[in-house]
């Protein structure tokens, strides 16, 4: 005979891990997007001619 609370514990941990991995995936995608935008900004700044005062 199994304790019904053990199945709840299993599902709670499972959902918790899914949420953690989902958040980490979202963070990695966000970081990748920010790095891409930063690289484009650097390219624009390098191409921009310098002003002389």
N, C-alpha and C. Protein backbone atom coordinates (compact mmCIF):
# COMPACT_ATOMS: atom_id res chain seq x y z
N UNK A 1 0.84 -1.18 0.00
CA UNK A 1 0.00 0.00 0.00
C UNK A 1 0.89 1.25 0.00
N UNK A 2 0.61 2.17 -0.92
CA UNK A 2 1.42 3.39 -1.01
C UNK A 2 0.68 4.55 -0.36
N UNK A 3 1.45 5.44 0.15
CA UNK A 3 0.90 6.64 0.77
C UNK A 3 0.50 7.63 -0.32
N UNK A 4 -0.75 8.12 -0.34
CA UNK A 4 -1.17 9.05 -1.39
C UNK A 4 -0.39 10.37 -1.35
N UNK A 5 0.16 10.70 -0.20
CA UNK A 5 0.94 11.93 -0.11
C UNK A 5 2.24 11.83 -0.91
N UNK A 6 2.72 10.61 -1.09
CA UNK A 6 3.95 10.45 -1.86
C UNK A 6 3.74 10.82 -3.32
N UNK A 7 2.58 10.53 -3.86
CA UNK A 7 2.32 10.91 -5.25
C UNK A 7 2.24 12.43 -5.37
N UNK A 8 1.65 13.09 -4.38
CA UNK A 8 1.61 14.55 -4.40
C UNK A 8 3.01 15.12 -4.31
N UNK A 9 3.83 14.53 -3.47
CA UNK A 9 5.22 14.97 -3.33
C UNK A 9 5.97 14.81 -4.65
N UNK A 10 5.78 13.68 -5.30
CA UNK A 10 6.43 13.43 -6.60
C UNK A 10 6.01 14.49 -7.61
N UNK A 11 4.71 14.74 -7.72
CA UNK A 11 4.22 15.72 -8.69
C UNK A 11 4.66 17.14 -8.35
N UNK A 12 4.69 17.46 -7.09
CA UNK A 12 5.13 18.79 -6.67
C UNK A 12 6.59 19.01 -7.05
N UNK A 13 7.44 18.04 -6.78
CA UNK A 13 8.85 18.15 -7.17
C UNK A 13 8.98 18.20 -8.69
N UNK A 14 8.20 17.40 -9.38
CA UNK A 14 8.25 17.40 -10.85
C UNK A 14 7.87 18.75 -11.43
N UNK A 15 6.78 19.32 -10.93
CA UNK A 15 6.35 20.63 -11.40
C UNK A 15 7.41 21.68 -11.05
N UNK A 16 7.96 21.58 -9.87
CA UNK A 16 9.01 22.52 -9.45
C UNK A 16 10.20 22.48 -10.39
N UNK A 17 10.67 21.28 -10.73
CA UNK A 17 11.82 21.17 -11.64
C UNK A 17 11.48 21.67 -13.04
N UNK A 18 10.27 21.41 -13.49
CA UNK A 18 9.86 21.91 -14.81
C UNK A 18 9.87 23.43 -14.81
N UNK A 19 9.37 24.04 -13.75
CA UNK A 19 9.38 25.49 -13.65
C UNK A 19 10.80 26.05 -13.60
N UNK A 20 11.66 25.39 -12.86
CA UNK A 20 13.06 25.85 -12.78
C UNK A 20 13.72 25.77 -14.15
N UNK A 21 13.57 24.66 -14.85
CA UNK A 21 14.20 24.52 -16.16
C UNK A 21 13.58 25.47 -17.17
N UNK A 22 12.27 25.70 -17.08
CA UNK A 22 11.63 26.66 -17.96
C UNK A 22 12.17 28.06 -17.73
N UNK A 23 12.34 28.43 -16.48
CA UNK A 23 12.89 29.75 -16.15
C UNK A 23 14.33 29.88 -16.65
N UNK A 24 15.13 28.85 -16.46
CA UNK A 24 16.51 28.88 -16.95
C UNK A 24 16.56 28.98 -18.47
N UNK A 25 15.66 28.29 -19.15
CA UNK A 25 15.60 28.38 -20.61
C UNK A 25 15.22 29.79 -21.03
N UNK A 26 14.23 30.38 -20.35
CA UNK A 26 13.81 31.75 -20.67
C UNK A 26 14.96 32.72 -20.43
N UNK A 27 15.70 32.54 -19.32
CA UNK A 27 16.83 33.40 -19.04
C UNK A 27 17.91 33.29 -20.11
N UNK A 28 18.19 32.09 -20.57
CA UNK A 28 19.23 31.92 -21.58
C UNK A 28 18.81 32.56 -22.90
N UNK A 29 17.53 32.45 -23.25
CA UNK A 29 17.04 33.10 -24.47
C UNK A 29 17.13 34.62 -24.35
N UNK A 30 16.78 35.13 -23.19
CA UNK A 30 16.84 36.57 -22.95
C UNK A 30 18.30 37.07 -23.03
N UNK A 31 19.21 36.32 -22.43
CA UNK A 31 20.62 36.70 -22.49
C UNK A 31 21.12 36.70 -23.93
N UNK A 32 20.74 35.69 -24.69
CA UNK A 32 21.14 35.60 -26.09
C UNK A 32 20.61 36.81 -26.87
N UNK A 33 19.38 37.20 -26.61
CA UNK A 33 18.80 38.35 -27.27
C UNK A 33 19.54 39.63 -26.91
N UNK A 34 19.84 39.79 -25.63
CA UNK A 34 20.56 40.99 -25.20
C UNK A 34 21.97 41.04 -25.77
N UNK A 35 22.64 39.90 -25.84
CA UNK A 35 23.98 39.88 -26.43
C UNK A 35 23.93 40.26 -27.90
N UNK A 36 22.92 39.80 -28.60
CA UNK A 36 22.76 40.13 -30.01
C UNK A 36 22.52 41.63 -30.18
N UNK A 37 21.65 42.19 -29.37
CA UNK A 37 21.38 43.63 -29.44
C UNK A 37 22.61 44.45 -29.10
N UNK A 38 23.38 43.99 -28.12
CA UNK A 38 24.61 44.68 -27.74
C UNK A 38 25.63 44.65 -28.87
N UNK A 39 25.74 43.52 -29.54
CA UNK A 39 26.67 43.41 -30.67
C UNK A 39 26.26 44.36 -31.80
N UNK A 40 24.96 44.46 -32.08
CA UNK A 40 24.49 45.40 -33.12
C UNK A 40 24.78 46.84 -32.72
N UNK A 41 24.60 47.16 -31.45
CA UNK A 41 24.87 48.50 -30.97
C UNK A 41 26.36 48.83 -31.11
N UNK A 42 27.21 47.87 -30.77
CA UNK A 42 28.66 48.08 -30.92
C UNK A 42 29.03 48.32 -32.39
N UNK A 43 28.41 47.55 -33.29
CA UNK A 43 28.68 47.75 -34.71
C UNK A 43 28.26 49.15 -35.15
N UNK A 44 27.10 49.60 -34.70
CA UNK A 44 26.64 50.94 -35.06
C UNK A 44 27.58 52.02 -34.52
N UNK A 45 28.07 51.83 -33.31
CA UNK A 45 28.97 52.81 -32.73
C UNK A 45 30.33 52.83 -33.43
N UNK A 46 30.78 51.69 -33.90
CA UNK A 46 32.05 51.63 -34.63
C UNK A 46 31.94 52.29 -35.99
N UNK A 47 30.78 52.18 -36.63
CA UNK A 47 30.59 52.75 -37.96
C UNK A 47 30.34 54.25 -37.91
N UNK A 48 29.86 54.74 -36.78
CA UNK A 48 29.51 56.15 -36.65
C UNK A 48 30.78 57.00 -36.68
N UNK A 49 30.84 58.01 -37.55
CA UNK A 49 32.03 58.86 -37.57
C UNK A 49 32.10 59.73 -36.31
N UNK A 50 33.30 59.95 -35.85
CA UNK A 50 33.49 60.76 -34.66
C UNK A 50 33.32 62.24 -34.99
N UNK A 51 32.71 62.95 -34.06
CA UNK A 51 32.56 64.40 -34.21
C UNK A 51 33.76 65.11 -33.65
N UNK A 52 34.15 66.16 -34.31
CA UNK A 52 35.22 67.00 -33.78
C UNK A 52 34.60 68.24 -33.18
N UNK A 53 35.01 68.59 -31.95
CA UNK A 53 34.41 69.76 -31.29
C UNK A 53 34.80 71.06 -31.93
